[in-house]
PDB file of N, CA and C in Angstrom:
ATOM      1  N   UNK A   1      24.445 -73.383   0.716  1.00  0.00           N
ATOM      2  CA  UNK A   1      23.968 -72.757   2.444  1.00  0.00           C
ATOM      3  C   UNK A   1      24.546 -71.529   2.039  1.00  0.00           C
ATOM      4  N   UNK A   2      23.988 -70.450   2.839  1.00  0.00           N
ATOM      5  CA  UNK A   2      24.182 -69.144   3.185  1.00  0.00           C
ATOM      6  C   UNK A   2      25.480 -69.243   4.295  1.00  0.00           C
ATOM      7  N   UNK A   3      26.395 -68.384   3.634  1.00  0.00           N
ATOM      8  CA  UNK A   3      27.320 -68.670   4.305  1.00  0.00           C
ATOM      9  C   UNK A   3      27.717 -66.849   4.219  1.00  0.00           C
ATOM     10  N   UNK A   4      28.219 -66.397   5.983  1.00  0.00           N
ATOM     11  CA  UNK A   4      28.648 -64.958   5.926  1.00  0.00           C
ATOM     12  C   UNK A   4      29.636 -65.398   7.074  1.00  0.00           C
ATOM     13  N   UNK A   5      30.934 -64.818   6.084  1.00  0.00           N
ATOM     14  CA  UNK A   5      32.543 -64.680   6.809  1.00  0.00           C
ATOM     15  C   UNK A   5      33.032 -63.470   7.102  1.00  0.00           C
ATOM     16  N   UNK A   6      33.016 -62.766   8.445  1.00  0.00           N
ATOM     17  CA  UNK A   6      33.559 -61.362   8.666  1.00  0.00           C
ATOM     18  C   UNK A   6      35.220 -61.298   8.768  1.00  0.00           C
ATOM     19  N   UNK A   7      36.128 -60.952   8.670  1.00  0.00           N
ATOM     20  CA  UNK A   7      37.080 -60.597   8.779  1.00  0.00           C
ATOM     21  C   UNK A   7      37.725 -59.021   9.120  1.00  0.00           C
ATOM     22  N   UNK A   8      39.109 -58.812   9.686  1.00  0.00           N
ATOM     23  CA  UNK A   8      39.780 -57.611   9.727  1.00  0.00           C
ATOM     24  C   UNK A   8      39.718 -57.206  10.840  1.00  0.00           C
ATOM     25  N   UNK A   9      39.367 -57.998  11.746  1.00  0.00           N
ATOM     26  CA  UNK A   9      39.135 -57.336  13.196  1.00  0.00           C
ATOM     27  C   UNK A   9      40.258 -56.982  14.029  1.00  0.00           C
ATOM     28  N   UNK A  10      40.957 -56.828  15.476  1.00  0.00           N
ATOM     29  CA  UNK A  10      41.488 -56.474  15.665  1.00  0.00           C
ATOM     30  C   UNK A  10      42.030 -55.442  16.996  1.00  0.00           C
ATOM     31  N   UNK A  11      42.963 -55.282  17.081  1.00  0.00           N
ATOM     32  CA  UNK A  11      43.122 -54.353  18.361  1.00  0.00           C
ATOM     33  C   UNK A  11      43.638 -53.076  17.864  1.00  0.00           C
ATOM     34  N   UNK A  12      43.309 -51.899  17.873  1.00  0.00           N
ATOM     35  CA  UNK A  12      43.591 -50.351  17.226  1.00  0.00           C
ATOM     36  C   UNK A  12      43.424 -49.182  18.704  1.00  0.00           C
ATOM     37  N   UNK A  13      44.500 -48.349  17.928  1.00  0.00           N
ATOM     38  CA  UNK A  13      44.335 -47.269  19.115  1.00  0.00           C
ATOM     39  C   UNK A  13      43.052 -46.176  18.833  1.00  0.00           C
ATOM     40  N   UNK A  14      42.472 -45.552  19.627  1.00  0.00           N
ATOM     41  CA  UNK A  14      41.715 -44.527  19.019  1.00  0.00           C
ATOM     42  C   UNK A  14      42.202 -43.657  18.150  1.00  0.00           C
ATOM     43  N   UNK A  15      41.331 -43.364  17.502  1.00  0.00           N
ATOM     44  CA  UNK A  15      41.751 -42.430  16.125  1.00  0.00           C
ATOM     45  C   UNK A  15      42.759 -43.553  15.413  1.00  0.00           C
ATOM     46  N   UNK A  16      42.584 -44.448  15.028  1.00  0.00           N
ATOM     47  CA  UNK A  16      42.974 -45.602  14.158  1.00  0.00           C
ATOM     48  C   UNK A  16      41.619 -45.804  13.179  1.00  0.00           C
ATOM     49  N   UNK A  17      42.537 -46.702  12.243  1.00  0.00           N
ATOM     50  CA  UNK A  17      41.256 -47.449  10.959  1.00  0.00           C
ATOM     51  C   UNK A  17      41.417 -48.842  11.024  1.00  0.00           C
ATOM     52  N   UNK A  18      40.335 -49.331  10.831  1.00  0.00           N
ATOM     53  CA  UNK A  18      40.362 -50.895  10.123  1.00  0.00           C
ATOM     54  C   UNK A  18      39.892 -50.826   9.130  1.00  0.00           C
ATOM     55  N   UNK A  19      39.619 -52.165   8.230  1.00  0.00           N
ATOM     56  CA  UNK A  19      38.624 -52.233   7.608  1.00  0.00           C
ATOM     57  C   UNK A  19      37.671 -54.142   7.795  1.00  0.00           C
ATOM     58  N   UNK A  20      37.055 -53.849   7.891  1.00  0.00           N
ATOM     59  CA  UNK A  20      36.339 -55.204   7.704  1.00  0.00           C
ATOM     60  C   UNK A  20      35.580 -55.956   6.515  1.00  0.00           C
ATOM     61  N   UNK A  21      35.451 -57.062   6.507  1.00  0.00           N
ATOM     62  CA  UNK A  21      35.244 -57.724   5.237  1.00  0.00           C
ATOM     63  C   UNK A  21      34.060 -58.701   5.712  1.00  0.00           C
ATOM     64  N   UNK A  22      32.898 -58.700   4.438  1.00  0.00           N
ATOM     65  CA  UNK A  22      32.450 -60.259   4.857  1.00  0.00           C
ATOM     66  C   UNK A  22      32.129 -60.431   3.597  1.00  0.00           C
ATOM     67  N   UNK A  23      32.559 -62.053   3.587  1.00  0.00           N
ATOM     68  CA  UNK A  23      32.583 -62.913   2.230  1.00  0.00           C
ATOM     69  C   UNK A  23      31.541 -63.476   2.153  1.00  0.00           C
ATOM     70  N   UNK A  24      30.419 -63.387   1.543  1.00  0.00           N
ATOM     71  CA  UNK A  24      29.394 -63.604   1.144  1.00  0.00           C
ATOM     72  C   UNK A  24      29.525 -65.392   0.111  1.00  0.00           C
ATOM     73  N   UNK A  25      28.238 -66.579   0.994  1.00  0.00           N
ATOM     74  CA  UNK A  25      28.308 -67.362  -0.515  1.00  0.00           C
ATOM     75  C   UNK A  25      26.831 -68.212  -0.375  1.00  0.00           C
ATOM     76  N   UNK A  26      26.657 -68.904  -1.125  1.00  0.00           N
ATOM     77  CA  UNK A  26      25.488 -69.769  -0.879  1.00  0.00           C
ATOM     78  C   UNK A  26      24.116 -69.193  -1.713  1.00  0.00           C
ATOM     79  N   UNK A  27      24.164 -67.546  -1.860  1.00  0.00           N
ATOM     80  CA  UNK A  27      22.912 -66.738  -2.361  1.00  0.00           C
ATOM     81  C   UNK A  27      23.501 -65.991  -3.422  1.00  0.00           C
ATOM     82  N   UNK A  28      22.582 -65.256  -4.005  1.00  0.00           N
ATOM     83  CA  UNK A  28      23.061 -64.606  -5.215  1.00  0.00           C
ATOM     84  C   UNK A  28      23.556 -62.949  -5.048  1.00  0.00           C
ATOM     85  N   UNK A  29      24.202 -62.623  -4.034  1.00  0.00           N
ATOM     86  CA  UNK A  29      25.486 -61.759  -3.425  1.00  0.00           C
ATOM     87  C   UNK A  29      24.247 -60.354  -4.066  1.00  0.00           C
ATOM     88  N   UNK A  30      24.207 -60.391  -5.271  1.00  0.00           N
ATOM     89  CA  UNK A  30      24.401 -58.853  -5.827  1.00  0.00           C
ATOM     90  C   UNK A  30      22.992 -58.068  -5.625  1.00  0.00           C
ATOM     91  N   UNK A  31      22.149 -59.216  -4.960  1.00  0.00           N
ATOM     92  CA  UNK A  31      20.784 -58.993  -5.496  1.00  0.00           C
ATOM     93  C   UNK A  31      20.271 -58.827  -3.707  1.00  0.00           C
ATOM     94  N   UNK A  32      21.093 -58.781  -3.209  1.00  0.00           N
ATOM     95  CA  UNK A  32      20.667 -58.665  -1.329  1.00  0.00           C
ATOM     96  C   UNK A  32      21.166 -57.510  -0.825  1.00  0.00           C
ATOM     97  N   UNK A  33      20.273 -57.245  -0.069  1.00  0.00           N
ATOM     98  CA  UNK A  33      20.970 -55.492   1.047  1.00  0.00           C
ATOM     99  C   UNK A  33      21.694 -56.446   2.254  1.00  0.00           C
ATOM    100  N   UNK A  34      22.792 -55.288   2.233  1.00  0.00           N
ATOM    101  CA  UNK A  34      23.696 -56.156   3.266  1.00  0.00           C
ATOM    102  C   UNK A  34      23.695 -55.311   4.418  1.00  0.00           C
ATOM    103  N   UNK A  35      24.119 -55.835   5.336  1.00  0.00           N
ATOM    104  CA  UNK A  35      24.071 -54.781   6.878  1.00  0.00           C
ATOM    105  C   UNK A  35      25.471 -54.863   7.786  1.00  0.00           C
ATOM    106  N   UNK A  36      25.481 -54.065   7.939  1.00  0.00           N
ATOM    107  CA  UNK A  36      26.486 -54.514   9.731  1.00  0.00           C
ATOM    108  C   UNK A  36      26.035 -54.093  10.307  1.00  0.00           C
ATOM    109  N   UNK A  37      26.061 -55.165  11.747  1.00  0.00           N
ATOM    110  CA  UNK A  37      25.488 -54.623  13.183  1.00  0.00           C
ATOM    111  C   UNK A  37      27.027 -54.863  14.564  1.00  0.00           C
ATOM    112  N   UNK A  38      26.665 -54.744  15.621  1.00  0.00           N
ATOM    113  CA  UNK A  38      27.868 -54.343  16.157  1.00  0.00           C
ATOM    114  C   UNK A  38      27.058 -54.793  17.316  1.00  0.00           C
ATOM    115  N   UNK A  39      27.914 -55.499  18.624  1.00  0.00           N
ATOM    116  CA  UNK A  39      27.258 -55.930  20.249  1.00  0.00           C
ATOM    117  C   UNK A  39      28.347 -55.153  20.645  1.00  0.00           C
ATOM    118  N   UNK A  40      28.405 -54.860  21.715  1.00  0.00           N
ATOM    119  CA  UNK A  40      29.176 -54.125  22.813  1.00  0.00           C
ATOM    120  C   UNK A  40      29.300 -55.242  24.327  1.00  0.00           C
ATOM    121  N   UNK A  41      29.426 -55.287  25.615  1.00  0.00           N
ATOM    122  CA  UNK A  41      29.664 -55.923  25.997  1.00  0.00           C
ATOM    123  C   UNK A  41      28.218 -55.452  27.058  1.00  0.00           C
ATOM    124  N   UNK A  42      27.269 -56.855  27.021  1.00  0.00           N
ATOM    125  CA  UNK A  42      26.352 -55.689  28.067  1.00  0.00           C
ATOM    126  C   UNK A  42      25.137 -54.816  27.434  1.00  0.00           C
ATOM    127  N   UNK A  43      25.531 -54.894  25.733  1.00  0.00           N
ATOM    128  CA  UNK A  43      24.589 -54.170  25.368  1.00  0.00           C
ATOM    129  C   UNK A  43      23.966 -54.228  23.985  1.00  0.00           C
ATOM    130  N   UNK A  44      22.539 -54.112  23.568  1.00  0.00           N
ATOM    131  CA  UNK A  44      22.000 -55.030  22.615  1.00  0.00           C
ATOM    132  C   UNK A  44      22.839 -54.800  21.639  1.00  0.00           C
ATOM    133  N   UNK A  45      22.398 -55.890  20.586  1.00  0.00           N
ATOM    134  CA  UNK A  45      23.354 -55.274  18.884  1.00  0.00           C
ATOM    135  C   UNK A  45      22.409 -54.307  18.735  1.00  0.00           C
ATOM    136  N   UNK A  46      23.112 -53.436  17.855  1.00  0.00           N
ATOM    137  CA  UNK A  46      22.907 -52.231  17.194  1.00  0.00           C
ATOM    138  C   UNK A  46      23.297 -52.488  15.859  1.00  0.00           C
ATOM    139  N   UNK A  47      22.495 -51.916  15.004  1.00  0.00           N
ATOM    140  CA  UNK A  47      22.789 -52.065  13.303  1.00  0.00           C
ATOM    141  C   UNK A  47      23.862 -50.502  13.062  1.00  0.00           C
ATOM    142  N   UNK A  48      25.134 -50.629  12.361  1.00  0.00           N
ATOM    143  CA  UNK A  48      25.785 -50.001  12.190  1.00  0.00           C
ATOM    144  C   UNK A  48      25.665 -49.154  10.970  1.00  0.00           C
ATOM    145  N   UNK A  49      25.325 -50.392   9.931  1.00  0.00           N
ATOM    146  CA  UNK A  49      25.503 -49.780   8.145  1.00  0.00           C
ATOM    147  C   UNK A  49      24.884 -50.955   7.435  1.00  0.00           C
ATOM    148  N   UNK A  50      24.107 -50.212   6.477  1.00  0.00           N
ATOM    149  CA  UNK A  50      23.639 -50.796   5.511  1.00  0.00           C
ATOM    150  C   UNK A  50      23.819 -50.500   3.754  1.00  0.00           C
ATOM    151  N   UNK A  51      24.062 -51.382   3.126  1.00  0.00           N
ATOM    152  CA  UNK A  51      23.996 -51.494   1.452  1.00  0.00           C
ATOM    153  C   UNK A  51      22.771 -52.035   0.823  1.00  0.00           C
ATOM    154  N   UNK A  52      22.038 -51.102  -0.219  1.00  0.00           N
ATOM    155  CA  UNK A  52      21.715 -51.708  -1.402  1.00  0.00           C
ATOM    156  C   UNK A  52      22.327 -52.624  -2.038  1.00  0.00           C
ATOM    157  N   UNK A  53      21.137 -53.236  -2.601  1.00  0.00           N
ATOM    158  CA  UNK A  53      21.825 -54.289  -3.709  1.00  0.00           C
ATOM    159  C   UNK A  53      21.855 -53.519  -5.280  1.00  0.00           C
ATOM    160  N   UNK A  54      21.532 -51.723  -5.129  1.00  0.00           N
ATOM    161  CA  UNK A  54      21.781 -50.874  -6.069  1.00  0.00           C
ATOM    162  C   UNK A  54      23.044 -49.816  -5.451  1.00  0.00           C
ATOM    163  N   UNK A  55      23.513 -50.261  -4.128  1.00  0.00           N
ATOM    164  CA  UNK A  55      24.648 -48.952  -3.421  1.00  0.00           C
ATOM    165  C   UNK A  55      24.633 -47.951  -2.636  1.00  0.00           C
ATOM    166  N   UNK A  56      22.924 -47.697  -2.703  1.00  0.00           N
ATOM    167  CA  UNK A  56      22.491 -46.609  -1.554  1.00  0.00           C
ATOM    168  C   UNK A  56      23.248 -47.487  -0.029  1.00  0.00           C
ATOM    169  N   UNK A  57      22.977 -46.590   0.868  1.00  0.00           N
ATOM    170  CA  UNK A  57      23.862 -46.505   2.093  1.00  0.00           C
ATOM    171  C   UNK A  57      23.314 -46.123   3.226  1.00  0.00           C
ATOM    172  N   UNK A  58      22.882 -46.412   4.198  1.00  0.00           N
ATOM    173  CA  UNK A  58      22.774 -45.047   5.210  1.00  0.00           C
ATOM    174  C   UNK A  58      23.430 -45.977   6.293  1.00  0.00           C
ATOM    175  N   UNK A  59      23.776 -44.986   7.702  1.00  0.00           N
ATOM    176  CA  UNK A  59      24.156 -45.373   8.840  1.00  0.00           C
ATOM    177  C   UNK A  59      23.535 -44.763  10.258  1.00  0.00           C
ATOM    178  N   UNK A  60      24.185 -45.606  11.015  1.00  0.00           N
ATOM    179  CA  UNK A  60      23.836 -45.145  12.519  1.00  0.00           C
ATOM    180  C   UNK A  60      24.458 -44.003  12.620  1.00  0.00           C
ATOM    181  N   UNK A  61      23.607 -42.393  13.155  1.00  0.00           N
ATOM    182  CA  UNK A  61      24.016 -41.755  13.847  1.00  0.00           C
ATOM    183  C   UNK A  61      25.125 -41.606  14.627  1.00  0.00           C
ATOM    184  N   UNK A  62      25.787 -42.399  14.968  1.00  0.00           N
ATOM    185  CA  UNK A  62      27.309 -42.730  15.872  1.00  0.00           C
ATOM    186  C   UNK A  62      28.112 -42.815  14.773  1.00  0.00           C
ATOM    187  N   UNK A  63      28.265 -43.284  14.096  1.00  0.00           N
ATOM    188  CA  UNK A  63      29.166 -43.921  13.036  1.00  0.00           C
ATOM    189  C   UNK A  63      29.284 -42.624  11.831  1.00  0.00           C
ATOM    190  N   UNK A  64      28.249 -41.845  11.358  1.00  0.00           N
ATOM    191  CA  UNK A  64      28.075 -40.984   9.938  1.00  0.00           C
ATOM    192  C   UNK A  64      29.418 -40.126   9.914  1.00  0.00           C
ATOM    193  N   UNK A  65      29.897 -40.404   9.026  1.00  0.00           N
ATOM    194  CA  UNK A  65      31.392 -39.624   8.698  1.00  0.00           C
ATOM    195  C   UNK A  65      32.588 -40.355   9.119  1.00  0.00           C
ATOM    196  N   UNK A  66      32.109 -41.121  10.063  1.00  0.00           N
ATOM    197  CA  UNK A  66      33.393 -42.055  10.044  1.00  0.00           C
ATOM    198  C   UNK A  66      33.852 -43.483   9.672  1.00  0.00           C
ATOM    199  N   UNK A  67      32.451 -43.971   9.078  1.00  0.00           N
ATOM    200  CA  UNK A  67      32.443 -45.622   8.604  1.00  0.00           C
ATOM    201  C   UNK A  67      31.892 -45.017   7.638  1.00  0.00           C
ATOM    202  N   UNK A  68      32.301 -46.324   6.162  1.00  0.00           N
ATOM    203  CA  UNK A  68      32.232 -46.492   5.301  1.00  0.00           C
ATOM    204  C   UNK A  68      31.460 -47.846   4.645  1.00  0.00           C
ATOM    205  N   UNK A  69      30.268 -47.975   4.343  1.00  0.00           N
ATOM    206  CA  UNK A  69      30.225 -49.217   3.390  1.00  0.00           C
ATOM    207  C   UNK A  69      30.326 -49.067   2.548  1.00  0.00           C
ATOM    208  N   UNK A  70      30.666 -50.420   1.808  1.00  0.00           N
ATOM    209  CA  UNK A  70      30.730 -50.675   0.296  1.00  0.00           C
ATOM    210  C   UNK A  70      30.458 -52.166  -0.149  1.00  0.00           C
ATOM    211  N   UNK A  71      30.315 -52.560  -1.493  1.00  0.00           N
ATOM    212  CA  UNK A  71      30.143 -54.574  -1.606  1.00  0.00           C
ATOM    213  C   UNK A  71      31.160 -53.783  -2.821  1.00  0.00           C
ATOM    214  N   UNK A  72      31.251 -55.147  -2.979  1.00  0.00           N
ATOM    215  CA  UNK A  72      32.556 -55.603  -4.268  1.00  0.00           C
ATOM    216  C   UNK A  72      31.432 -56.898  -4.856  1.00  0.00           C
ATOM    217  N   UNK A  73      30.604 -56.826  -5.845  1.00  0.00           N
ATOM    218  CA  UNK A  73      29.851 -58.071  -6.132  1.00  0.00           C
ATOM    219  C   UNK A  73      30.648 -58.853  -7.017  1.00  0.00           C
ATOM    220  N   UNK A  74      31.521 -58.819  -7.639  1.00  0.00           N
ATOM    221  CA  UNK A  74      32.336 -59.634  -8.573  1.00  0.00           C
ATOM    222  C   UNK A  74      33.070 -60.530  -7.236  1.00  0.00           C
ATOM    223  N   UNK A  75      33.396 -60.073  -6.272  1.00  0.00           N
ATOM    224  CA  UNK A  75      33.854 -60.785  -4.897  1.00  0.00           C
ATOM    225  C   UNK A  75      32.938 -61.209  -3.564  1.00  0.00           C
ATOM    226  N   UNK A  76      31.450 -61.284  -3.989  1.00  0.00           N
ATOM    227  CA  UNK A  76      30.337 -61.449  -3.150  1.00  0.00           C
ATOM    228  C   UNK A  76      31.119 -60.910  -1.673  1.00  0.00           C
ATOM    229  N   UNK A  77      31.637 -59.913  -1.659  1.00  0.00           N
ATOM    230  CA  UNK A  77      31.974 -59.617  -0.194  1.00  0.00           C
ATOM    231  C   UNK A  77      31.350 -57.870  -0.246  1.00  0.00           C
ATOM    232  N   UNK A  78      31.464 -57.599   1.228  1.00  0.00           N
ATOM    233  CA  UNK A  78      30.541 -56.302   1.673  1.00  0.00           C
ATOM    234  C   UNK A  78      31.735 -55.973   2.918  1.00  0.00           C
ATOM    235  N   UNK A  79      31.837 -54.425   3.032  1.00  0.00           N
ATOM    236  CA  UNK A  79      33.294 -53.842   3.465  1.00  0.00           C
ATOM    237  C   UNK A  79      33.102 -53.117   4.742  1.00  0.00           C
ATOM    238  N   UNK A  80      33.602 -52.421   5.531  1.00  0.00           N
ATOM    239  CA  UNK A  80      32.843 -51.749   6.125  1.00  0.00           C
ATOM    240  C   UNK A  80      34.758 -51.147   6.744  1.00  0.00           C
ATOM    241  N   UNK A  81      34.676 -49.677   5.984  1.00  0.00           N
ATOM    242  CA  UNK A  81      35.743 -48.850   6.460  1.00  0.00           C
ATOM    243  C   UNK A  81      35.492 -48.415   7.768  1.00  0.00           C
ATOM    244  N   UNK A  82      36.386 -48.168   8.489  1.00  0.00           N
ATOM    245  CA  UNK A  82      36.432 -47.465   9.623  1.00  0.00           C
ATOM    246  C   UNK A  82      37.862 -47.060   9.613  1.00  0.00           C
ATOM    247  N   UNK A  83      37.356 -45.358  10.451  1.00  0.00           N
ATOM    248  CA  UNK A  83      38.000 -44.012  10.318  1.00  0.00           C
ATOM    249  C   UNK A  83      37.607 -43.537  11.598  1.00  0.00           C
ATOM    250  N   UNK A  84      38.760 -42.423  12.408  1.00  0.00           N
ATOM    251  CA  UNK A  84      39.015 -42.257  13.817  1.00  0.00           C
ATOM    252  C   UNK A  84      37.957 -42.870  14.703  1.00  0.00           C
ATOM    253  N   UNK A  85      38.401 -44.094  14.659  1.00  0.00           N
ATOM    254  CA  UNK A  85      37.740 -45.038  15.443  1.00  0.00           C
ATOM    255  C   UNK A  85      37.861 -44.554  17.376  1.00  0.00           C
ATOM    256  N   UNK A  86      36.641 -44.814  18.066  1.00  0.00           N
ATOM    257  CA  UNK A  86      36.817 -44.539  19.112  1.00  0.00           C
ATOM    258  C   UNK A  86      36.444 -45.545  19.800  1.00  0.00           C
ATOM    259  N   UNK A  87      37.048 -45.653  21.197  1.00  0.00           N
ATOM    260  CA  UNK A  87      36.695 -46.382  22.349  1.00  0.00           C
ATOM    261  C   UNK A  87      35.447 -47.680  22.516  1.00  0.00           C
ATOM    262  N   UNK A  88      34.736 -46.492  22.162  1.00  0.00           N
ATOM    263  CA  UNK A  88      33.074 -46.783  22.604  1.00  0.00           C
ATOM    264  C   UNK A  88      32.766 -47.494  21.188  1.00  0.00           C
ATOM    265  N   UNK A  89      33.303 -47.482  19.886  1.00  0.00           N
ATOM    266  CA  UNK A  89      33.383 -48.526  18.874  1.00  0.00           C
ATOM    267  C   UNK A  89      33.876 -50.072  18.809  1.00  0.00           C
ATOM    268  N   UNK A  90      33.967 -50.408  20.602  1.00  0.00           N
ATOM    269  CA  UNK A  90      34.993 -51.564  20.650  1.00  0.00           C
ATOM    270  C   UNK A  90      33.624 -52.163  20.814  1.00  0.00           C
ATOM    271  N   UNK A  91      33.789 -53.488  20.017  1.00  0.00           N
ATOM    272  CA  UNK A  91      32.569 -54.452  19.954  1.00  0.00           C
ATOM    273  C   UNK A  91      32.992 -55.428  19.177  1.00  0.00           C
ATOM    274  N   UNK A  92      31.959 -56.942  19.090  1.00  0.00           N
ATOM    275  CA  UNK A  92      31.879 -57.779  17.734  1.00  0.00           C
ATOM    276  C   UNK A  92      30.870 -56.898  16.640  1.00  0.00           C
ATOM    277  N   UNK A  93      31.558 -57.338  16.012  1.00  0.00           N
ATOM    278  CA  UNK A  93      30.689 -56.670  14.341  1.00  0.00           C
ATOM    279  C   UNK A  93      30.285 -57.724  13.804  1.00  0.00           C
ATOM    280  N   UNK A  94      29.103 -57.547  12.885  1.00  0.00           N
ATOM    281  CA  UNK A  94      28.468 -59.050  12.778  1.00  0.00           C
ATOM    282  C   UNK A  94      28.193 -58.442  11.232  1.00  0.00           C
ATOM    283  N   UNK A  95      28.036 -59.322   9.969  1.00  0.00           N
ATOM    284  CA  UNK A  95      27.425 -58.806   8.682  1.00  0.00           C
ATOM    285  C   UNK A  95      26.123 -59.528   8.397  1.00  0.00           C
ATOM    286  N   UNK A  96      25.020 -59.620   8.362  1.00  0.00           N
ATOM    287  CA  UNK A  96      23.619 -59.461   7.866  1.00  0.00           C
ATOM    288  C   UNK A  96      23.173 -59.888   6.636  1.00  0.00           C
ATOM    289  N   UNK A  97      22.759 -60.804   6.325  1.00  0.00           N
ATOM    290  CA  UNK A  97      21.373 -60.284   5.549  1.00  0.00           C
ATOM    291  C   UNK A  97      20.048 -61.183   5.621  1.00  0.00           C
ATOM    292  N   UNK A  98      19.017 -60.743   5.305  1.00  0.00           N
ATOM    293  CA  UNK A  98      17.829 -61.387   4.863  1.00  0.00           C
ATOM    294  C   UNK A  98      17.256 -61.680   4.261  1.00  0.00           C
ATOM    295  N   UNK A  99      16.497 -62.985   3.793  1.00  0.00           N
ATOM    296  CA  UNK A  99      15.935 -63.371   2.448  1.00  0.00           C
ATOM    297  C   UNK A  99      14.003 -63.687   2.638  1.00  0.00           C
ATOM    298  N   UNK A 100      13.870 -63.759   1.952  1.00  0.00           N
ATOM    299  CA  UNK A 100      12.819 -63.714   1.959  1.00  0.00           C
ATOM    300  C   UNK A 100      11.563 -64.916   1.136  1.00  0.00           C
ATOM    301  N   UNK A 101      10.449 -65.332   1.419  1.00  0.00           N
ATOM    302  CA  UNK A 101       9.874 -65.939   0.492  1.00  0.00           C
ATOM    303  C   UNK A 101      10.490 -67.421   0.882  1.00  0.00           C
ATOM    304  N   UNK A 102      10.601 -68.416   2.229  1.00  0.00           N
ATOM    305  CA  UNK A 102       9.780 -67.346   3.237  1.00  0.00           C
ATOM    306  C   UNK A 102      11.473 -66.377   4.140  1.00  0.00           C
ATOM    307  N   UNK A 103      10.846 -65.753   5.084  1.00  0.00           N
ATOM    308  CA  UNK A 103      11.771 -64.718   5.633  1.00  0.00           C
ATOM    309  C   UNK A 103      12.758 -65.817   6.524  1.00  0.00           C
ATOM    310  N   UNK A 104      14.224 -65.336   6.101  1.00  0.00           N
ATOM    311  CA  UNK A 104      14.903 -66.068   6.874  1.00  0.00           C
ATOM    312  C   UNK A 104      16.260 -64.490   7.378  1.00  0.00           C
ATOM    313  N   UNK A 105      17.091 -64.650   8.370  1.00  0.00           N
ATOM    314  CA  UNK A 105      18.155 -64.150   8.609  1.00  0.00           C
ATOM    315  C   UNK A 105      19.050 -64.433   8.844  1.00  0.00           C
ATOM    316  N   UNK A 106      20.344 -64.034   8.137  1.00  0.00           N
ATOM    317  CA  UNK A 106      21.600 -64.004   8.114  1.00  0.00           C
ATOM    318  C   UNK A 106      22.557 -63.844   8.880  1.00  0.00           C
ATOM    319  N   UNK A 107      23.363 -64.606   9.912  1.00  0.00           N
ATOM    320  CA  UNK A 107      24.468 -63.888  10.407  1.00  0.00           C
ATOM    321  C   UNK A 107      25.526 -64.509  10.346  1.00  0.00           C
ATOM    322  N   UNK A 108      26.759 -63.691  10.277  1.00  0.00           N
ATOM    323  CA  UNK A 108      28.339 -64.450  10.487  1.00  0.00           C
ATOM    324  C   UNK A 108      28.411 -64.766  11.868  1.00  0.00           C
ATOM    325  N   UNK A 109      29.730 -65.242  11.901  1.00  0.00           N
ATOM    326  CA  UNK A 109      30.363 -65.924  13.372  1.00  0.00           C
ATOM    327  C   UNK A 109      31.058 -64.217  14.091  1.00  0.00           C
ATOM    328  N   UNK A 110      30.748 -62.985  13.296  1.00  0.00           N
ATOM    329  CA  UNK A 110      31.480 -61.927  14.379  1.00  0.00           C
ATOM    330  C   UNK A 110      32.943 -61.948  14.176  1.00  0.00           C
ATOM    331  N   UNK A 111      33.487 -60.866  14.244  1.00  0.00           N
ATOM    332  CA  UNK A 111      34.591 -60.426  14.401  1.00  0.00           C
ATOM    333  C   UNK A 111      35.371 -59.047  15.403  1.00  0.00           C
ATOM    334  N   UNK A 112      35.891 -59.441  16.020  1.00  0.00           N
ATOM    335  CA  UNK A 112      36.371 -58.186  17.250  1.00  0.00           C
ATOM    336  C   UNK A 112      36.821 -57.175  17.001  1.00  0.00           C
ATOM    337  N   UNK A 113      36.244 -56.314  17.051  1.00  0.00           N
ATOM    338  CA  UNK A 113      36.977 -54.678  17.236  1.00  0.00           C
ATOM    339  C   UNK A 113      37.514 -54.096  18.264  1.00  0.00           C
ATOM    340  N   UNK A 114      38.780 -53.504  18.960  1.00  0.00           N
ATOM    341  CA  UNK A 114      38.982 -53.033  20.492  1.00  0.00           C
ATOM    342  C   UNK A 114      39.710 -52.363  20.273  1.00  0.00           C
ATOM    343  N   UNK A 115      39.145 -51.001  20.485  1.00  0.00           N
ATOM    344  CA  UNK A 115      40.019 -49.859  20.626  1.00  0.00           C
ATOM    345  C   UNK A 115      40.360 -49.608  22.186  1.00  0.00           C
ATOM    346  N   UNK A 116      41.775 -49.078  21.561  1.00  0.00           N
ATOM    347  CA  UNK A 116      42.224 -49.091  23.105  1.00  0.00           C
ATOM    348  C   UNK A 116      43.585 -48.889  23.703  1.00  0.00           C
ATOM    349  N   UNK A 117      43.792 -47.646  23.928  1.00  0.00           N
ATOM    350  CA  UNK A 117      45.325 -47.392  24.029  1.00  0.00           C
ATOM    351  C   UNK A 117      46.371 -47.617  24.975  1.00  0.00           C
TER     352      UNK A 117
END
């Protein structure tokens, strides 16, 4: 079965960096679009970044120039490098992928990122 396991979250000071990882299993990782979402307390879950199977990327305006999504198909892992972190980046970060025929969406358990001095 499909499994997504995030890691790498933690507490960091404003201006600091973190790298999140999402290890995928149970499907042919290299074929699928992968996304990072985040959800802050009291807010809706929002899309942060996505990467296609060919490596094309897209980002939310709020993280452009600070975050970088990448993937290693040999390791079945997608990453989110987060630089110049701000307190408003504090959230639980989730890894996501969708599959079709029939449609299903899969989520990891999330990893907490807290940006605070």
